[in-house]
Amino acid sequence: MLISRTTGSASVVPELVYPDVEQAVEWLCATFGFTEVWRAGGHRARIAFGNGVVIVADAEAEYGRVAPTRGELRRHAVMVKVEDVDAHHDHAQQHGARIISPPADYRYGERQYSAEDLAGHHWTFTQAIVDVAPEDWGGTSMAPASYRPADGSCTRRSDERSL
């Protein structure tokens, strides 16, 4: 697979819509610690955090893009892994992020907090604090893609198979 400088190597790239791309990029970089990769005029930009990326796009009805409306139910959230969730939370709060839920430990081995950005998008920042098997918190392990049938269907992991 060709990896271009424009699209990068991430397999999944969320596209989030903001009323003002420039303002959003500056805010996301200053508040959440993203780094700007490129910008296309005032209508599109690519920002990165670790090995993940997000496209920041303008609200353009012609292309079916609309920024969220604060107070409405959310349609999505973005999760970002960070090194130190408490320090990230403190920094984000000091830079104007609206904290939805403060840092807390979860039985699936993560410490997380959630915040809302300047346009109303919801973000969850997470830090692994212990490696826990999904079965230990009520989940079910599934077969990795390399073990799936050729038709692409999902199958449950066999406990007898060595992964």
C-alpha atoms as a PDB file:
ATOM      1  CA  MET A   1       0.000   0.000   0.000  1.00  0.00           C
ATOM      2  CA  LEU A   2       1.366   3.391  -0.984  1.00  0.00           C
ATOM      3  CA  ILE A   3       1.661   5.835   1.913  1.00  0.00           C
ATOM      4  CA  SER A   4       1.509   9.423   0.719  1.00  0.00           C
ATOM      5  CA  ARG A   5       2.594  12.558   2.527  1.00  0.00           C
ATOM      6  CA  THR A   6      -0.936  13.901   2.198  1.00  0.00           C
ATOM      7  CA  THR A   7      -2.950  10.985   3.558  1.00  0.00           C
ATOM      8  CA  GLY A   8      -0.297   9.363   5.782  1.00  0.00           C
ATOM      9  CA  SER A   9      -0.368   5.822   7.129  1.00  0.00           C
ATOM     10  CA  ALA A  10      -3.333   5.812   9.535  1.00  0.00           C
ATOM     11  CA  SER A  11      -5.990   3.315   8.441  1.00  0.00           C
ATOM     12  CA  VAL A  12      -8.876   5.243   9.987  1.00  0.00           C
ATOM     13  CA  VAL A  13      -8.951   9.047   9.978  1.00  0.00           C
ATOM     14  CA  PRO A  14     -11.901  10.824  11.594  1.00  0.00           C
ATOM     15  CA  GLU A  15     -13.046  14.012   9.885  1.00  0.00           C
ATOM     16  CA  LEU A  16     -14.434  16.555  12.345  1.00  0.00           C
ATOM     17  CA  VAL A  17     -16.309  19.650  11.214  1.00  0.00           C
ATOM     18  CA  TYR A  18     -15.733  23.093  12.750  1.00  0.00           C
ATOM     19  CA  PRO A  19     -17.129  26.541  11.944  1.00  0.00           C
ATOM     20  CA  ASP A  20     -13.569  27.945  11.672  1.00  0.00           C
ATOM     21  CA  VAL A  21     -10.752  25.569  10.682  1.00  0.00           C
ATOM     22  CA  GLU A  22      -7.903  27.927  11.632  1.00  0.00           C
ATOM     23  CA  GLN A  23      -9.358  28.632  15.073  1.00  0.00           C
ATOM     24  CA  ALA A  24     -10.039  24.926  15.643  1.00  0.00           C
ATOM     25  CA  VAL A  25      -6.504  23.863  14.691  1.00  0.00           C
ATOM     26  CA  GLU A  26      -4.950  26.465  16.975  1.00  0.00           C
ATOM     27  CA  TRP A  27      -7.258  25.475  19.854  1.00  0.00           C
ATOM     28  CA  LEU A  28      -6.784  21.701  19.425  1.00  0.00           C
ATOM     29  CA  CYS A  29      -3.005  22.106  19.290  1.00  0.00           C
ATOM     30  CA  ALA A  30      -2.817  24.434  22.302  1.00  0.00           C
ATOM     31  CA  THR A  31      -5.432  22.660  24.419  1.00  0.00           C
ATOM     32  CA  PHE A  32      -5.177  18.956  23.566  1.00  0.00           C
ATOM     33  CA  GLY A  33      -1.577  18.811  22.314  1.00  0.00           C
ATOM     34  CA  PHE A  34      -2.104  18.034  18.648  1.00  0.00           C
ATOM     35  CA  THR A  35       0.465  18.989  16.001  1.00  0.00           C
ATOM     36  CA  GLU A  36      -0.558  20.482  12.679  1.00  0.00           C
ATOM     37  CA  VAL A  37       0.630  18.388   9.713  1.00  0.00           C
ATOM     38  CA  TRP A  38      -0.772  20.430   6.805  1.00  0.00           C
ATOM     39  CA  ARG A  39      -3.488  22.910   5.938  1.00  0.00           C
ATOM     40  CA  ALA A  40      -5.412  23.510   2.722  1.00  0.00           C
ATOM     41  CA  GLY A  41      -6.522  27.101   2.767  1.00  0.00           C
ATOM     42  CA  GLY A  42      -9.143  27.791   5.382  1.00  0.00           C
ATOM     43  CA  HIS A  43     -11.260  24.745   4.655  1.00  0.00           C
ATOM     44  CA  ARG A  44      -9.232  21.697   5.712  1.00  0.00           C
ATOM     45  CA  ALA A  45      -6.290  20.671   7.882  1.00  0.00           C
ATOM     46  CA  ARG A  46      -4.676  17.515   9.170  1.00  0.00           C
ATOM     47  CA  ILE A  47      -3.552  17.330  12.794  1.00  0.00           C
ATOM     48  CA  ALA A  48      -1.704  14.522  14.558  1.00  0.00           C
ATOM     49  CA  PHE A  49      -1.332  13.103  18.036  1.00  0.00           C
ATOM     50  CA  GLY A  50       1.106  10.206  18.413  1.00  0.00           C
ATOM     51  CA  ASN A  51       0.409   7.870  15.498  1.00  0.00           C
ATOM     52  CA  GLY A  52      -3.180   9.077  15.094  1.00  0.00           C
ATOM     53  CA  VAL A  53      -4.551  11.830  12.897  1.00  0.00           C
ATOM     54  CA  VAL A  54      -7.733  13.850  12.507  1.00  0.00           C
ATOM     55  CA  ILE A  55      -8.960  15.916   9.580  1.00  0.00           C
ATOM     56  CA  VAL A  56     -10.363  19.294  10.628  1.00  0.00           C
ATOM     57  CA  ALA A  57     -12.881  20.366   7.978  1.00  0.00           C
ATOM     58  CA  ASP A  58     -15.019  23.431   7.514  1.00  0.00           C
ATOM     59  CA  ALA A  59     -18.781  23.421   7.764  1.00  0.00           C
ATOM     60  CA  GLU A  60     -19.842  23.307   4.129  1.00  0.00           C
ATOM     61  CA  ALA A  61     -23.449  22.415   3.378  1.00  0.00           C
ATOM     62  CA  GLU A  62     -22.562  21.750  -0.269  1.00  0.00           C
ATOM     63  CA  TYR A  63     -20.519  18.749   0.916  1.00  0.00           C
ATOM     64  CA  GLY A  64     -22.952  17.737   3.650  1.00  0.00           C
ATOM     65  CA  ARG A  65     -20.735  18.939   6.494  1.00  0.00           C
ATOM     66  CA  VAL A  66     -22.132  20.699   9.538  1.00  0.00           C
ATOM     67  CA  ALA A  67     -20.491  21.557  12.852  1.00  0.00           C
ATOM     68  CA  PRO A  68     -22.135  20.144  15.985  1.00  0.00           C
ATOM     69  CA  THR A  69     -24.641  22.210  17.911  1.00  0.00           C
ATOM     70  CA  ARG A  70     -23.831  22.484  21.602  1.00  0.00           C
ATOM     71  CA  GLY A  71     -26.477  20.999  23.826  1.00  0.00           C
ATOM     72  CA  GLU A  72     -27.639  18.442  21.267  1.00  0.00           C
ATOM     73  CA  LEU A  73     -27.018  14.751  21.750  1.00  0.00           C
ATOM     74  CA  ARG A  74     -23.639  13.783  20.367  1.00  0.00           C
ATOM     75  CA  ARG A  75     -23.316  11.543  17.364  1.00  0.00           C
ATOM     76  CA  HIS A  76     -19.725  10.502  17.963  1.00  0.00           C
ATOM     77  CA  ALA A  77     -16.688  10.916  20.195  1.00  0.00           C
ATOM     78  CA  VAL A  78     -12.972  10.554  19.565  1.00  0.00           C
ATOM     79  CA  MET A  79     -10.705   8.595  21.902  1.00  0.00           C
ATOM     80  CA  VAL A  80      -7.026   9.535  22.222  1.00  0.00           C
ATOM     81  CA  LYS A  81      -4.376   7.570  24.139  1.00  0.00           C
ATOM     82  CA  VAL A  82      -2.104   9.782  26.242  1.00  0.00           C
ATOM     83  CA  GLU A  83       0.925   9.132  28.438  1.00  0.00           C
ATOM     84  CA  ASP A  84      -0.380  10.901  31.562  1.00  0.00           C
ATOM     85  CA  VAL A  85      -4.141  11.448  31.642  1.00  0.00           C
ATOM     86  CA  ASP A  86      -4.073  13.582  34.801  1.00  0.00           C
ATOM     87  CA  ALA A  87      -1.507  16.023  33.404  1.00  0.00           C
ATOM     88  CA  HIS A  88      -3.373  16.124  30.079  1.00  0.00           C
ATOM     89  CA  HIS A  89      -6.640  16.835  31.904  1.00  0.00           C
ATOM     90  CA  ASP A  90      -5.093  19.672  33.922  1.00  0.00           C
ATOM     91  CA  HIS A  91      -3.572  21.243  30.797  1.00  0.00           C
ATOM     92  CA  ALA A  92      -6.810  20.946  28.798  1.00  0.00           C
ATOM     93  CA  GLN A  93      -8.867  22.425  31.619  1.00  0.00           C
ATOM     94  CA  GLN A  94      -6.457  25.360  31.990  1.00  0.00           C
ATOM     95  CA  HIS A  95      -6.768  26.030  28.237  1.00  0.00           C
ATOM     96  CA  GLY A  96     -10.559  26.144  28.158  1.00  0.00           C
ATOM     97  CA  ALA A  97     -11.763  22.610  27.491  1.00  0.00           C
ATOM     98  CA  ARG A  98     -15.126  21.922  29.100  1.00  0.00           C
ATOM     99  CA  ILE A  99     -14.604  18.828  31.232  1.00  0.00           C
ATOM    100  CA  ILE A 100     -17.498  16.394  30.898  1.00  0.00           C
ATOM    101  CA  SER A 101     -16.103  13.788  33.284  1.00  0.00           C
ATOM    102  CA  PRO A 102     -12.917  14.060  35.391  1.00  0.00           C
ATOM    103  CA  PRO A 103     -10.162  11.418  35.354  1.00  0.00           C
ATOM    104  CA  ALA A 104     -11.343   8.094  36.739  1.00  0.00           C
ATOM    105  CA  ASP A 105     -10.098   4.507  36.745  1.00  0.00           C
ATOM    106  CA  TYR A 106     -12.112   1.849  34.917  1.00  0.00           C
ATOM    107  CA  ARG A 107     -12.137  -1.905  35.431  1.00  0.00           C
ATOM    108  CA  TYR A 108     -10.947  -2.510  31.869  1.00  0.00           C
ATOM    109  CA  GLY A 109      -7.542  -1.105  32.841  1.00  0.00           C
ATOM    110  CA  GLU A 110      -7.829   2.501  31.654  1.00  0.00           C
ATOM    111  CA  ARG A 111      -7.833   5.870  33.406  1.00  0.00           C
ATOM    112  CA  GLN A 112      -9.907   8.319  31.373  1.00  0.00           C
ATOM    113  CA  TYR A 113     -11.516  11.728  31.268  1.00  0.00           C
ATOM    114  CA  SER A 114     -13.849  13.281  28.727  1.00  0.00           C
ATOM    115  CA  ALA A 115     -13.976  16.834  27.448  1.00  0.00           C
ATOM    116  CA  GLU A 116     -15.831  18.976  24.958  1.00  0.00           C
ATOM    117  CA  ASP A 117     -13.901  21.160  22.533  1.00  0.00           C
ATOM    118  CA  LEU A 118     -14.642  24.668  21.309  1.00  0.00           C
ATOM    119  CA  ALA A 119     -17.173  23.429  18.740  1.00  0.00           C
ATOM    120  CA  GLY A 120     -18.899  20.841  20.909  1.00  0.00           C
ATOM    121  CA  HIS A 121     -17.074  17.683  19.768  1.00  0.00           C
ATOM    122  CA  HIS A 122     -16.588  15.152  22.563  1.00  0.00           C
ATOM    123  CA  TRP A 123     -13.163  13.671  23.261  1.00  0.00           C
ATOM    124  CA  THR A 124     -12.117  10.927  25.657  1.00  0.00           C
ATOM    125  CA  PHE A 125      -8.475  10.841  26.703  1.00  0.00           C
ATOM    126  CA  THR A 126      -7.257   7.526  28.028  1.00  0.00           C
ATOM    127  CA  GLN A 127      -4.173   6.082  29.696  1.00  0.00           C
ATOM    128  CA  ALA A 128      -3.573   2.348  30.131  1.00  0.00           C
ATOM    129  CA  ILE A 129      -2.908   1.639  33.802  1.00  0.00           C
ATOM    130  CA  VAL A 130      -3.038  -2.180  33.748  1.00  0.00           C
ATOM    131  CA  ASP A 131      -3.342  -4.852  31.048  1.00  0.00           C
ATOM    132  CA  VAL A 132      -6.643  -6.649  31.636  1.00  0.00           C
ATOM    133  CA  ALA A 133      -8.084  -9.443  29.484  1.00  0.00           C
ATOM    134  CA  PRO A 134     -11.534  -8.516  28.123  1.00  0.00           C
ATOM    135  CA  GLU A 135     -12.996 -11.581  29.836  1.00  0.00           C
ATOM    136  CA  ASP A 136     -11.901 -10.165  33.228  1.00  0.00           C
ATOM    137  CA  TRP A 137     -14.234  -7.161  32.866  1.00  0.00           C
ATOM    138  CA  GLY A 138     -17.125  -8.811  31.030  1.00  0.00           C
ATOM    139  CA  GLY A 139     -15.899  -8.526  27.456  1.00  0.00           C
ATOM    140  CA  THR A 140     -15.190 -11.242  24.891  1.00  0.00           C
ATOM    141  CA  SER A 141     -11.933 -11.572  22.945  1.00  0.00           C
ATOM    142  CA  MET A 142     -12.346 -11.825  19.191  1.00  0.00           C
ATOM    143  CA  ALA A 143     -10.070 -13.227  16.507  1.00  0.00           C
ATOM    144  CA  PRO A 144      -7.551 -10.780  14.999  1.00  0.00           C
ATOM    145  CA  ALA A 145      -8.103  -9.983  11.308  1.00  0.00           C
ATOM    146  CA  SER A 146      -5.341 -12.422  10.308  1.00  0.00           C
ATOM    147  CA  TYR A 147      -7.488 -15.274  11.696  1.00  0.00           C
ATOM    148  CA  ARG A 148     -10.728 -14.255  10.009  1.00  0.00           C
ATOM    149  CA  PRO A 149     -12.182 -16.252   7.128  1.00  0.00           C
ATOM    150  CA  ALA A 150     -11.463 -15.115   3.570  1.00  0.00           C
ATOM    151  CA  ASP A 151     -15.000 -13.741   3.282  1.00  0.00           C
ATOM    152  CA  GLY A 152     -14.089 -11.105   5.915  1.00  0.00           C
ATOM    153  CA  SER A 153     -16.713 -12.190   8.424  1.00  0.00           C
ATOM    154  CA  CYS A 154     -15.949 -11.897  12.124  1.00  0.00           C
ATOM    155  CA  THR A 155     -15.405 -15.016  14.170  1.00  0.00           C
ATOM    156  CA  ARG A 156     -14.920 -15.492  17.885  1.00  0.00           C
ATOM    157  CA  ARG A 157     -11.470 -16.339  19.114  1.00  0.00           C
ATOM    158  CA  SER A 158     -10.964 -19.988  19.844  1.00  0.00           C
ATOM    159  CA  ASP A 159      -9.462 -20.557  23.278  1.00  0.00           C
ATOM    160  CA  GLU A 160      -7.584 -23.538  21.817  1.00  0.00           C
ATOM    161  CA  ARG A 161      -5.840 -21.459  19.122  1.00  0.00           C
ATOM    162  CA  SER A 162      -2.517 -19.849  19.993  1.00  0.00           C
ATOM    163  CA  LEU A 163      -2.617 -16.189  19.045  1.00  0.00           C
END
